[in-house]
């Protein structure tokens, strides 16, 4: 057996596996959407850190970061109510939030 033939066959096998993985991953399209936004104090306009933003009637939610931004991933398509809550602030709810497949819905509080 020649040394080059094993390497050649091994290389072709690896190439085939990589090709199949690439093709199969591109065939699976997105089936969920994303909700993103920012939470700020209504009086000062300052970003609020650690605010809980929940998609009501689901287990989905997120907390705001140091700049007041939040992102909720893998939200099934549909219409939802979104609620923000933080200690010292009144709860705020946004109704009829529409989430579409492979799109980002922006909701600011």
PDB file of N, CA and C in Angstrom:
ATOM      1  N   UNK A   1       0.846  -1.163   0.000  1.00  0.00           N
ATOM      2  CA  UNK A   1       0.000   0.000   0.000  1.00  0.00           C
ATOM      3  C   UNK A   1       0.897   1.233   0.000  1.00  0.00           C
ATOM      4  N   UNK A   2       0.550   2.193  -0.810  1.00  0.00           N
ATOM      5  CA  UNK A   2       1.344   3.406  -0.907  1.00  0.00           C
ATOM      6  C   UNK A   2       0.910   4.397   0.161  1.00  0.00           C
ATOM      7  N   UNK A   3       1.883   5.160   0.624  1.00  0.00           N
ATOM      8  CA  UNK A   3       1.618   6.133   1.682  1.00  0.00           C
ATOM      9  C   UNK A   3       0.624   7.204   1.215  1.00  0.00           C
ATOM     10  N   UNK A   4       0.739   7.670   0.052  1.00  0.00           N
ATOM     11  CA  UNK A   4      -0.118   8.734  -0.465  1.00  0.00           C
ATOM     12  C   UNK A   4      -1.567   8.324  -0.625  1.00  0.00           C
ATOM     13  N   UNK A   5      -1.827   7.037  -0.892  1.00  0.00           N
ATOM     14  CA  UNK A   5      -3.206   6.623  -1.129  1.00  0.00           C
ATOM     15  C   UNK A   5      -4.042   6.672   0.149  1.00  0.00           C
ATOM     16  N   UNK A   6      -3.452   6.305   1.305  1.00  0.00           N
ATOM     17  CA  UNK A   6      -4.198   6.385   2.572  1.00  0.00           C
ATOM     18  C   UNK A   6      -4.540   7.833   2.894  1.00  0.00           C
ATOM     19  N   UNK A   7      -3.557   8.705   2.780  1.00  0.00           N
ATOM     20  CA  UNK A   7      -3.794  10.126   3.068  1.00  0.00           C
ATOM     21  C   UNK A   7      -4.824  10.699   2.108  1.00  0.00           C
ATOM     22  N   UNK A   8      -4.754  10.290   0.880  1.00  0.00           N
ATOM     23  CA  UNK A   8      -5.692  10.787  -0.117  1.00  0.00           C
ATOM     24  C   UNK A   8      -7.114  10.331   0.214  1.00  0.00           C
ATOM     25  N   UNK A   9      -7.284   9.054   0.564  1.00  0.00           N
ATOM     26  CA  UNK A   9      -8.621   8.534   0.906  1.00  0.00           C
ATOM     27  C   UNK A   9      -9.126   9.165   2.193  1.00  0.00           C
ATOM     28  N   UNK A  10      -8.248   9.295   3.185  1.00  0.00           N
ATOM     29  CA  UNK A  10      -8.626   9.913   4.457  1.00  0.00           C
ATOM     30  C   UNK A  10      -9.047  11.362   4.241  1.00  0.00           C
ATOM     31  N   UNK A  11      -8.305  12.087   3.449  1.00  0.00           N
ATOM     32  CA  UNK A  11      -8.624  13.485   3.154  1.00  0.00           C
ATOM     33  C   UNK A  11      -9.962  13.630   2.441  1.00  0.00           C
ATOM     34  N   UNK A  12     -10.226  12.725   1.507  1.00  0.00           N
ATOM     35  CA  UNK A  12     -11.505  12.760   0.787  1.00  0.00           C
ATOM     36  C   UNK A  12     -12.666  12.460   1.730  1.00  0.00           C
ATOM     37  N   UNK A  13     -12.462  11.514   2.663  1.00  0.00           N
ATOM     38  CA  UNK A  13     -13.515  11.174   3.621  1.00  0.00           C
ATOM     39  C   UNK A  13     -13.828  12.358   4.526  1.00  0.00           C
ATOM     40  N   UNK A  14     -12.796  13.010   5.015  1.00  0.00           N
ATOM     41  CA  UNK A  14     -12.995  14.186   5.863  1.00  0.00           C
ATOM     42  C   UNK A  14     -13.703  15.281   5.084  1.00  0.00           C
ATOM     43  N   UNK A  15     -13.307  15.485   3.852  1.00  0.00           N
ATOM     44  CA  UNK A  15     -13.938  16.503   3.010  1.00  0.00           C
ATOM     45  C   UNK A  15     -15.420  16.202   2.804  1.00  0.00           C
ATOM     46  N   UNK A  16     -15.761  14.939   2.595  1.00  0.00           N
ATOM     47  CA  UNK A  16     -17.167  14.556   2.417  1.00  0.00           C
ATOM     48  C   UNK A  16     -17.977  14.835   3.681  1.00  0.00           C
ATOM     49  N   UNK A  17     -17.410  14.503   4.839  1.00  0.00           N
ATOM     50  CA  UNK A  17     -18.112  14.735   6.111  1.00  0.00           C
ATOM     51  C   UNK A  17     -18.352  16.221   6.328  1.00  0.00           C
ATOM     52  N   UNK A  18     -17.353  17.042   6.079  1.00  0.00           N
ATOM     53  CA  UNK A  18     -17.494  18.490   6.232  1.00  0.00           C
ATOM     54  C   UNK A  18     -18.548  19.017   5.274  1.00  0.00           C
ATOM     55  N   UNK A  19     -18.554  18.536   4.047  1.00  0.00           N
ATOM     56  CA  UNK A  19     -19.522  18.979   3.047  1.00  0.00           C
ATOM     57  C   UNK A  19     -20.948  18.633   3.475  1.00  0.00           C
ATOM     58  N   UNK A  20     -21.160  17.393   3.955  1.00  0.00           N
ATOM     59  CA  UNK A  20     -22.491  16.970   4.396  1.00  0.00           C
ATOM     60  C   UNK A  20     -22.956  17.819   5.579  1.00  0.00           C
ATOM     61  N   UNK A  21     -22.068  18.081   6.537  1.00  0.00           N
ATOM     62  CA  UNK A  21     -22.438  18.916   7.693  1.00  0.00           C
ATOM     63  C   UNK A  21     -22.818  20.327   7.249  1.00  0.00           C
ATOM     64  N   UNK A  22     -22.061  20.887   6.320  1.00  0.00           N
ATOM     65  CA  UNK A  22     -22.347  22.234   5.841  1.00  0.00           C
ATOM     66  C   UNK A  22     -23.689  22.296   5.125  1.00  0.00           C
ATOM     67  N   UNK A  23     -23.951  21.349   4.247  1.00  0.00           N
ATOM     68  CA  UNK A  23     -25.205  21.329   3.493  1.00  0.00           C
ATOM     69  C   UNK A  23     -26.391  21.113   4.431  1.00  0.00           C
ATOM     70  N   UNK A  24     -26.281  20.177   5.369  1.00  0.00           N
ATOM     71  CA  UNK A  24     -27.414  19.905   6.248  1.00  0.00           C
ATOM     72  C   UNK A  24     -27.719  21.085   7.156  1.00  0.00           C
ATOM     73  N   UNK A  25     -26.699  21.815   7.604  1.00  0.00           N
ATOM     74  CA  UNK A  25     -26.968  22.965   8.465  1.00  0.00           C
ATOM     75  C   UNK A  25     -27.621  24.105   7.695  1.00  0.00           C
ATOM     76  N   UNK A  26     -27.312  24.245   6.432  1.00  0.00           N
ATOM     77  CA  UNK A  26     -27.919  25.322   5.657  1.00  0.00           C
ATOM     78  C   UNK A  26     -29.352  24.992   5.238  1.00  0.00           C
ATOM     79  N   UNK A  27     -29.725  23.722   5.263  1.00  0.00           N
ATOM     80  CA  UNK A  27     -31.093  23.342   4.910  1.00  0.00           C
ATOM     81  C   UNK A  27     -32.082  23.623   6.024  1.00  0.00           C
ATOM     82  N   UNK A  28     -31.619  23.612   7.274  1.00  0.00           N
ATOM     83  CA  UNK A  28     -32.503  23.892   8.396  1.00  0.00           C
ATOM     84  C   UNK A  28     -32.639  25.381   8.565  1.00  0.00           C
ATOM     85  N   UNK A  29     -33.804  25.899   8.236  1.00  0.00           N
ATOM     86  CA  UNK A  29     -34.036  27.322   8.385  1.00  0.00           C
ATOM     87  C   UNK A  29     -34.456  27.669   9.802  1.00  0.00           C
ATOM     88  N   UNK A  30     -34.468  28.930  10.075  1.00  0.00           N
ATOM     89  CA  UNK A  30     -34.877  29.396  11.400  1.00  0.00           C
ATOM     90  C   UNK A  30     -36.370  29.149  11.597  1.00  0.00           C
ATOM     91  N   UNK A  31     -36.747  28.858  12.825  1.00  0.00           N
ATOM     92  CA  UNK A  31     -38.162  28.638  13.137  1.00  0.00           C
ATOM     93  C   UNK A  31     -38.623  29.516  14.285  1.00  0.00           C
ATOM     94  N   UNK A  32     -37.752  30.403  14.754  1.00  0.00           N
ATOM     95  CA  UNK A  32     -38.102  31.284  15.862  1.00  0.00           C
ATOM     96  C   UNK A  32     -37.682  32.716  15.537  1.00  0.00           C
ATOM     97  N   UNK A  33     -38.129  33.629  16.387  1.00  0.00           N
ATOM     98  CA  UNK A  33     -37.760  35.026  16.250  1.00  0.00           C
ATOM     99  C   UNK A  33     -37.058  35.519  17.502  1.00  0.00           C
ATOM    100  N   UNK A  34     -36.884  36.829  17.575  1.00  0.00           N
ATOM    101  CA  UNK A  34     -36.147  37.428  18.680  1.00  0.00           C
ATOM    102  C   UNK A  34     -36.829  38.718  19.088  1.00  0.00           C
ATOM    103  N   UNK A  35     -36.831  39.004  20.403  1.00  0.00           N
ATOM    104  CA  UNK A  35     -37.332  40.285  20.913  1.00  0.00           C
ATOM    105  C   UNK A  35     -36.149  40.999  21.548  1.00  0.00           C
ATOM    106  N   UNK A  36     -35.994  42.253  21.201  1.00  0.00           N
ATOM    107  CA  UNK A  36     -34.856  43.047  21.677  1.00  0.00           C
ATOM    108  C   UNK A  36     -35.355  44.446  22.015  1.00  0.00           C
ATOM    109  N   UNK A  37     -34.717  45.087  22.958  1.00  0.00           N
ATOM    110  CA  UNK A  37     -35.112  46.457  23.276  1.00  0.00           C
ATOM    111  C   UNK A  37     -34.271  47.041  24.392  1.00  0.00           C
ATOM    112  N   UNK A  38     -34.713  48.188  24.866  1.00  0.00           N
ATOM    113  CA  UNK A  38     -34.006  48.904  25.919  1.00  0.00           C
ATOM    114  C   UNK A  38     -35.008  49.399  26.954  1.00  0.00           C
ATOM    115  N   UNK A  39     -34.588  49.397  28.218  1.00  0.00           N
ATOM    116  CA  UNK A  39     -35.427  49.875  29.304  1.00  0.00           C
ATOM    117  C   UNK A  39     -34.719  51.069  29.934  1.00  0.00           C
ATOM    118  N   UNK A  40     -35.441  52.213  29.981  1.00  0.00           N
ATOM    119  CA  UNK A  40     -34.872  53.430  30.568  1.00  0.00           C
ATOM    120  C   UNK A  40     -35.853  54.033  31.567  1.00  0.00           C
ATOM    121  N   UNK A  41     -35.329  54.810  32.495  1.00  0.00           N
ATOM    122  CA  UNK A  41     -36.149  55.536  33.454  1.00  0.00           C
ATOM    123  C   UNK A  41     -36.934  56.603  32.695  1.00  0.00           C
ATOM    124  N   UNK A  42     -38.242  56.663  32.905  1.00  0.00           N
ATOM    125  CA  UNK A  42     -39.084  57.588  32.142  1.00  0.00           C
ATOM    126  C   UNK A  42     -38.810  59.053  32.477  1.00  0.00           C
ATOM    127  N   UNK A  43     -38.303  59.322  33.669  1.00  0.00           N
ATOM    128  CA  UNK A  43     -38.031  60.712  34.057  1.00  0.00           C
ATOM    129  C   UNK A  43     -36.641  61.183  33.650  1.00  0.00           C
ATOM    130  N   UNK A  44     -35.648  60.346  33.856  1.00  0.00           N
ATOM    131  CA  UNK A  44     -34.263  60.767  33.610  1.00  0.00           C
ATOM    132  C   UNK A  44     -33.719  60.288  32.278  1.00  0.00           C
ATOM    133  N   UNK A  45     -34.313  59.250  31.704  1.00  0.00           N
ATOM    134  CA  UNK A  45     -33.797  58.683  30.457  1.00  0.00           C
ATOM    135  C   UNK A  45     -32.580  57.791  30.665  1.00  0.00           C
ATOM    136  N   UNK A  46     -32.202  57.572  31.920  1.00  0.00           N
ATOM    137  CA  UNK A  46     -31.051  56.719  32.234  1.00  0.00           C
ATOM    138  C   UNK A  46     -31.413  55.249  32.020  1.00  0.00           C
ATOM    139  N   UNK A  47     -30.476  54.447  31.508  1.00  0.00           N
ATOM    140  CA  UNK A  47     -30.754  53.013  31.345  1.00  0.00           C
ATOM    141  C   UNK A  47     -30.924  52.338  32.696  1.00  0.00           C
ATOM    142  N   UNK A  48     -31.822  51.373  32.753  1.00  0.00           N
ATOM    143  CA  UNK A  48     -32.069  50.619  33.980  1.00  0.00           C
ATOM    144  C   UNK A  48     -31.415  49.243  33.867  1.00  0.00           C
ATOM    145  N   UNK A  49     -30.612  48.927  34.862  1.00  0.00           N
ATOM    146  CA  UNK A  49     -29.858  47.675  34.884  1.00  0.00           C
ATOM    147  C   UNK A  49     -30.638  46.619  35.667  1.00  0.00           C
ATOM    148  N   UNK A  50     -30.644  45.386  35.166  1.00  0.00           N
ATOM    149  CA  UNK A  50     -31.241  44.272  35.896  1.00  0.00           C
ATOM    150  C   UNK A  50     -32.744  44.218  35.892  1.00  0.00           C
ATOM    151  N   UNK A  51     -33.377  44.899  34.965  1.00  0.00           N
ATOM    152  CA  UNK A  51     -34.834  44.829  34.848  1.00  0.00           C
ATOM    153  C   UNK A  51     -35.204  43.489  34.214  1.00  0.00           C
ATOM    154  N   UNK A  52     -36.191  42.818  34.792  1.00  0.00           N
ATOM    155  CA  UNK A  52     -36.676  41.554  34.228  1.00  0.00           C
ATOM    156  C   UNK A  52     -37.701  41.855  33.143  1.00  0.00           C
ATOM    157  N   UNK A  53     -37.489  41.300  31.968  1.00  0.00           N
ATOM    158  CA  UNK A  53     -38.436  41.431  30.865  1.00  0.00           C
ATOM    159  C   UNK A  53     -38.897  40.025  30.521  1.00  0.00           C
ATOM    160  N   UNK A  54     -40.197  39.779  30.687  1.00  0.00           N
ATOM    161  CA  UNK A  54     -40.753  38.441  30.506  1.00  0.00           C
ATOM    162  C   UNK A  54     -41.795  38.419  29.387  1.00  0.00           C
ATOM    163  N   UNK A  55     -41.800  37.324  28.654  1.00  0.00           N
ATOM    164  CA  UNK A  55     -42.865  37.054  27.694  1.00  0.00           C
ATOM    165  C   UNK A  55     -43.933  36.308  28.486  1.00  0.00           C
ATOM    166  N   UNK A  56     -45.052  36.982  28.742  1.00  0.00           N
ATOM    167  CA  UNK A  56     -46.091  36.394  29.583  1.00  0.00           C
ATOM    168  C   UNK A  56     -46.645  35.110  28.967  1.00  0.00           C
ATOM    169  N   UNK A  57     -47.062  34.195  29.832  1.00  0.00           N
ATOM    170  CA  UNK A  57     -47.612  32.900  29.444  1.00  0.00           C
ATOM    171  C   UNK A  57     -46.545  31.963  28.867  1.00  0.00           C
ATOM    172  N   UNK A  58     -45.250  32.305  29.038  1.00  0.00           N
ATOM    173  CA  UNK A  58     -44.160  31.438  28.604  1.00  0.00           C
ATOM    174  C   UNK A  58     -43.101  31.415  29.707  1.00  0.00           C
ATOM    175  N   UNK A  59     -42.040  30.672  29.473  1.00  0.00           N
ATOM    176  CA  UNK A  59     -40.902  30.668  30.396  1.00  0.00           C
ATOM    177  C   UNK A  59     -39.769  31.540  29.863  1.00  0.00           C
ATOM    178  N   UNK A  60     -40.038  32.316  28.827  1.00  0.00           N
ATOM    179  CA  UNK A  60     -39.007  33.117  28.171  1.00  0.00           C
ATOM    180  C   UNK A  60     -38.865  34.485  28.823  1.00  0.00           C
ATOM    181  N   UNK A  61     -37.643  34.947  28.903  1.00  0.00           N
ATOM    182  CA  UNK A  61     -37.390  36.264  29.457  1.00  0.00           C
ATOM    183  C   UNK A  61     -35.913  36.576  29.464  1.00  0.00           C
ATOM    184  N   UNK A  62     -35.583  37.780  29.920  1.00  0.00           N
ATOM    185  CA  UNK A  62     -34.192  38.221  30.002  1.00  0.00           C
ATOM    186  C   UNK A  62     -34.102  39.365  30.993  1.00  0.00           C
ATOM    187  N   UNK A  63     -32.886  39.694  31.397  1.00  0.00           N
ATOM    188  CA  UNK A  63     -32.627  40.850  32.252  1.00  0.00           C
ATOM    189  C   UNK A  63     -31.802  41.857  31.459  1.00  0.00           C
ATOM    190  N   UNK A  64     -32.003  43.127  31.756  1.00  0.00           N
ATOM    191  CA  UNK A  64     -31.268  44.164  31.036  1.00  0.00           C
ATOM    192  C   UNK A  64     -29.806  44.200  31.484  1.00  0.00           C
ATOM    193  N   UNK A  65     -28.944  44.618  30.557  1.00  0.00           N
ATOM    194  CA  UNK A  65     -27.516  44.716  30.848  1.00  0.00           C
ATOM    195  C   UNK A  65     -27.179  46.106  31.391  1.00  0.00           C
ATOM    196  N   UNK A  66     -25.902  46.424  31.468  1.00  0.00           N
ATOM    197  CA  UNK A  66     -25.438  47.693  32.045  1.00  0.00           C
ATOM    198  C   UNK A  66     -25.910  48.912  31.252  1.00  0.00           C
ATOM    199  N   UNK A  67     -26.271  48.715  29.992  1.00  0.00           N
ATOM    200  CA  UNK A  67     -26.763  49.814  29.164  1.00  0.00           C
ATOM    201  C   UNK A  67     -28.273  49.794  29.005  1.00  0.00           C
ATOM    202  N   UNK A  68     -28.950  48.909  29.734  1.00  0.00           N
ATOM    203  CA  UNK A  68     -30.411  48.837  29.691  1.00  0.00           C
ATOM    204  C   UNK A  68     -30.971  47.988  28.573  1.00  0.00           C
ATOM    205  N   UNK A  69     -30.119  47.291  27.829  1.00  0.00           N
ATOM    206  CA  UNK A  69     -30.583  46.473  26.706  1.00  0.00           C
ATOM    207  C   UNK A  69     -30.884  45.043  27.145  1.00  0.00           C
ATOM    208  N   UNK A  70     -31.860  44.424  26.484  1.00  0.00           N
ATOM    209  CA  UNK A  70     -32.188  43.027  26.709  1.00  0.00           C
ATOM    210  C   UNK A  70     -32.434  42.354  25.367  1.00  0.00           C
ATOM    211  N   UNK A  71     -32.266  41.055  25.334  1.00  0.00           N
ATOM    212  CA  UNK A  71     -32.545  40.256  24.142  1.00  0.00           C
ATOM    213  C   UNK A  71     -33.146  38.936  24.589  1.00  0.00           C
ATOM    214  N   UNK A  72     -34.272  38.579  24.000  1.00  0.00           N
ATOM    215  CA  UNK A  72     -34.920  37.295  24.273  1.00  0.00           C
ATOM    216  C   UNK A  72     -34.867  36.497  22.972  1.00  0.00           C
ATOM    217  N   UNK A  73     -34.142  35.384  23.007  1.00  0.00           N
ATOM    218  CA  UNK A  73     -33.938  34.550  21.825  1.00  0.00           C
ATOM    219  C   UNK A  73     -34.925  33.390  21.776  1.00  0.00           C
ATOM    220  N   UNK A  74     -35.029  32.782  20.605  1.00  0.00           N
ATOM    221  CA  UNK A  74     -35.816  31.558  20.393  1.00  0.00           C
ATOM    222  C   UNK A  74     -37.275  31.700  20.788  1.00  0.00           C
ATOM    223  N   UNK A  75     -37.879  32.810  20.398  1.00  0.00           N
ATOM    224  CA  UNK A  75     -39.302  33.038  20.667  1.00  0.00           C
ATOM    225  C   UNK A  75     -40.104  32.471  19.499  1.00  0.00           C
ATOM    226  N   UNK A  76     -40.993  31.509  19.766  1.00  0.00           N
ATOM    227  CA  UNK A  76     -41.817  30.975  18.681  1.00  0.00           C
ATOM    228  C   UNK A  76     -42.671  32.081  18.060  1.00  0.00           C
ATOM    229  N   UNK A  77     -42.954  31.998  16.760  1.00  0.00           N
ATOM    230  CA  UNK A  77     -43.781  33.019  16.132  1.00  0.00           C
ATOM    231  C   UNK A  77     -45.158  33.093  16.776  1.00  0.00           C
ATOM    232  N   UNK A  78     -45.669  34.300  16.904  1.00  0.00           N
ATOM    233  CA  UNK A  78     -46.984  34.493  17.508  1.00  0.00           C
ATOM    234  C   UNK A  78     -47.120  35.888  18.067  1.00  0.00           C
ATOM    235  N   UNK A  79     -48.220  36.120  18.771  1.00  0.00           N
ATOM    236  CA  UNK A  79     -48.498  37.410  19.394  1.00  0.00           C
ATOM    237  C   UNK A  79     -48.474  37.233  20.906  1.00  0.00           C
ATOM    238  N   UNK A  80     -47.731  38.109  21.591  1.00  0.00           N
ATOM    239  CA  UNK A  80     -47.495  37.960  23.020  1.00  0.00           C
ATOM    240  C   UNK A  80     -47.721  39.271  23.762  1.00  0.00           C
ATOM    241  N   UNK A  81     -47.748  39.154  25.097  1.00  0.00           N
ATOM    242  CA  UNK A  81     -47.689  40.308  25.988  1.00  0.00           C
ATOM    243  C   UNK A  81     -46.315  40.258  26.640  1.00  0.00           C
ATOM    244  N   UNK A  82     -45.678  41.413  26.719  1.00  0.00           N
ATOM    245  CA  UNK A  82     -44.343  41.531  27.282  1.00  0.00           C
ATOM    246  C   UNK A  82     -44.419  42.404  28.520  1.00  0.00           C
ATOM    247  N   UNK A  83     -43.788  41.961  29.603  1.00  0.00           N
ATOM    248  CA  UNK A  83     -43.868  42.713  30.857  1.00  0.00           C
ATOM    249  C   UNK A  83     -42.468  42.957  31.416  1.00  0.00           C
ATOM    250  N   UNK A  84     -42.247  44.199  31.870  1.00  0.00           N
ATOM    251  CA  UNK A  84     -40.986  44.536  32.532  1.00  0.00           C
ATOM    252  C   UNK A  84     -41.276  44.815  34.002  1.00  0.00           C
ATOM    253  N   UNK A  85     -40.329  44.391  34.863  1.00  0.00           N
ATOM    254  CA  UNK A  85     -40.497  44.643  36.290  1.00  0.00           C
ATOM    255  C   UNK A  85     -39.134  44.818  36.940  1.00  0.00           C
ATOM    256  N   UNK A  86     -39.095  45.753  37.888  1.00  0.00           N
ATOM    257  CA  UNK A  86     -37.881  46.020  38.653  1.00  0.00           C
ATOM    258  C   UNK A  86     -38.293  46.570  40.010  1.00  0.00           C
ATOM    259  N   UNK A  87     -37.482  46.299  41.014  1.00  0.00           N
ATOM    260  CA  UNK A  87     -37.747  46.816  42.356  1.00  0.00           C
ATOM    261  C   UNK A  87     -37.709  48.337  42.320  1.00  0.00           C
ATOM    262  N   UNK A  88     -38.746  48.957  42.896  1.00  0.00           N
ATOM    263  CA  UNK A  88     -38.821  50.409  42.937  1.00  0.00           C
ATOM    264  C   UNK A  88     -39.521  51.037  41.749  1.00  0.00           C
ATOM    265  N   UNK A  89     -39.940  50.221  40.780  1.00  0.00           N
ATOM    266  CA  UNK A  89     -40.629  50.720  39.586  1.00  0.00           C
ATOM    267  C   UNK A  89     -41.938  49.961  39.397  1.00  0.00           C
ATOM    268  N   UNK A  90     -42.913  50.632  38.809  1.00  0.00           N
ATOM    269  CA  UNK A  90     -44.182  49.982  38.489  1.00  0.00           C
ATOM    270  C   UNK A  90     -43.973  49.020  37.323  1.00  0.00           C
ATOM    271  N   UNK A  91     -44.698  47.914  37.347  1.00  0.00           N
ATOM    272  CA  UNK A  91     -44.640  46.981  36.214  1.00  0.00           C
ATOM    273  C   UNK A  91     -45.216  47.652  34.983  1.00  0.00           C
ATOM    274  N   UNK A  92     -44.651  47.314  33.848  1.00  0.00           N
ATOM    275  CA  UNK A  92     -45.131  47.853  32.583  1.00  0.00           C
ATOM    276  C   UNK A  92     -45.380  46.693  31.634  1.00  0.00           C
ATOM    277  N   UNK A  93     -46.520  46.728  30.940  1.00  0.00           N
ATOM    278  CA  UNK A  93     -46.872  45.646  30.024  1.00  0.00           C
ATOM    279  C   UNK A  93     -47.151  46.214  28.642  1.00  0.00           C
ATOM    280  N   UNK A  94     -46.619  45.548  27.638  1.00  0.00           N
ATOM    281  CA  UNK A  94     -46.897  45.893  26.238  1.00  0.00           C
ATOM    282  C   UNK A  94     -47.656  44.715  25.646  1.00  0.00           C
ATOM    283  N   UNK A  95     -48.847  44.994  25.124  1.00  0.00           N
ATOM    284  CA  UNK A  95     -49.706  43.957  24.541  1.00  0.00           C
ATOM    285  C   UNK A  95     -49.463  43.855  23.038  1.00  0.00           C
ATOM    286  N   UNK A  96     -49.906  42.743  22.485  1.00  0.00           N
ATOM    287  CA  UNK A  96     -49.882  42.508  21.036  1.00  0.00           C
ATOM    288  C   UNK A  96     -48.501  42.658  20.418  1.00  0.00           C
ATOM    289  N   UNK A  97     -47.519  42.035  21.047  1.00  0.00           N
ATOM    290  CA  UNK A  97     -46.157  42.028  20.504  1.00  0.00           C
ATOM    291  C   UNK A  97     -46.078  40.887  19.494  1.00  0.00           C
ATOM    292  N   UNK A  98     -45.861  41.224  18.248  1.00  0.00           N
ATOM    293  CA  UNK A  98     -45.851  40.234  17.169  1.00  0.00           C
ATOM    294  C   UNK A  98     -44.425  39.775  16.909  1.00  0.00           C
ATOM    295  N   UNK A  99     -44.207  38.461  16.972  1.00  0.00           N
ATOM    296  CA  UNK A  99     -42.899  37.868  16.688  1.00  0.00           C
ATOM    297  C   UNK A  99     -43.017  37.042  15.417  1.00  0.00           C
ATOM    298  N   UNK A 100     -42.104  37.288  14.478  1.00  0.00           N
ATOM    299  CA  UNK A 100     -42.087  36.572  13.206  1.00  0.00           C
ATOM    300  C   UNK A 100     -40.817  35.732  13.103  1.00  0.00           C
ATOM    301  N   UNK A 101     -40.897  34.681  12.313  1.00  0.00           N
ATOM    302  CA  UNK A 101     -39.753  33.786  12.113  1.00  0.00           C
ATOM    303  C   UNK A 101     -38.584  34.567  11.525  1.00  0.00           C
ATOM    304  N   UNK A 102     -37.419  34.378  12.130  1.00  0.00           N
ATOM    305  CA  UNK A 102     -36.140  34.913  11.648  1.00  0.00           C
ATOM    306  C   UNK A 102     -36.083  36.445  11.617  1.00  0.00           C
ATOM    307  N   UNK A 103     -36.934  37.109  12.421  1.00  0.00           N
ATOM    308  CA  UNK A 103     -36.912  38.566  12.501  1.00  0.00           C
ATOM    309  C   UNK A 103     -36.780  39.005  13.956  1.00  0.00           C
ATOM    310  N   UNK A 104     -36.331  40.244  14.152  1.00  0.00           N
ATOM    311  CA  UNK A 104     -36.212  40.832  15.485  1.00  0.00           C
ATOM    312  C   UNK A 104     -37.312  41.847  15.682  1.00  0.00           C
ATOM    313  N   UNK A 105     -38.056  41.696  16.776  1.00  0.00           N
ATOM    314  CA  UNK A 105     -39.077  42.660  17.174  1.00  0.00           C
ATOM    315  C   UNK A 105     -38.485  43.544  18.260  1.00  0.00           C
ATOM    316  N   UNK A 106     -38.549  44.865  18.069  1.00  0.00           N
ATOM    317  CA  UNK A 106     -37.976  45.796  19.039  1.00  0.00           C
ATOM    318  C   UNK A 106     -39.078  46.382  19.909  1.00  0.00           C
ATOM    319  N   UNK A 107     -38.931  46.208  21.219  1.00  0.00           N
ATOM    320  CA  UNK A 107     -39.873  46.770  22.201  1.00  0.00           C
ATOM    321  C   UNK A 107     -39.050  47.470  23.271  1.00  0.00           C
ATOM    322  N   UNK A 108     -39.257  48.775  23.387  1.00  0.00           N
ATOM    323  CA  UNK A 108     -38.577  49.564  24.414  1.00  0.00           C
ATOM    324  C   UNK A 108     -39.552  49.909  25.538  1.00  0.00           C
ATOM    325  N   UNK A 109     -39.040  49.948  26.754  1.00  0.00           N
ATOM    326  CA  UNK A 109     -39.843  50.335  27.913  1.00  0.00           C
ATOM    327  C   UNK A 109     -39.289  51.626  28.477  1.00  0.00           C
TER     328      UNK A 109
END
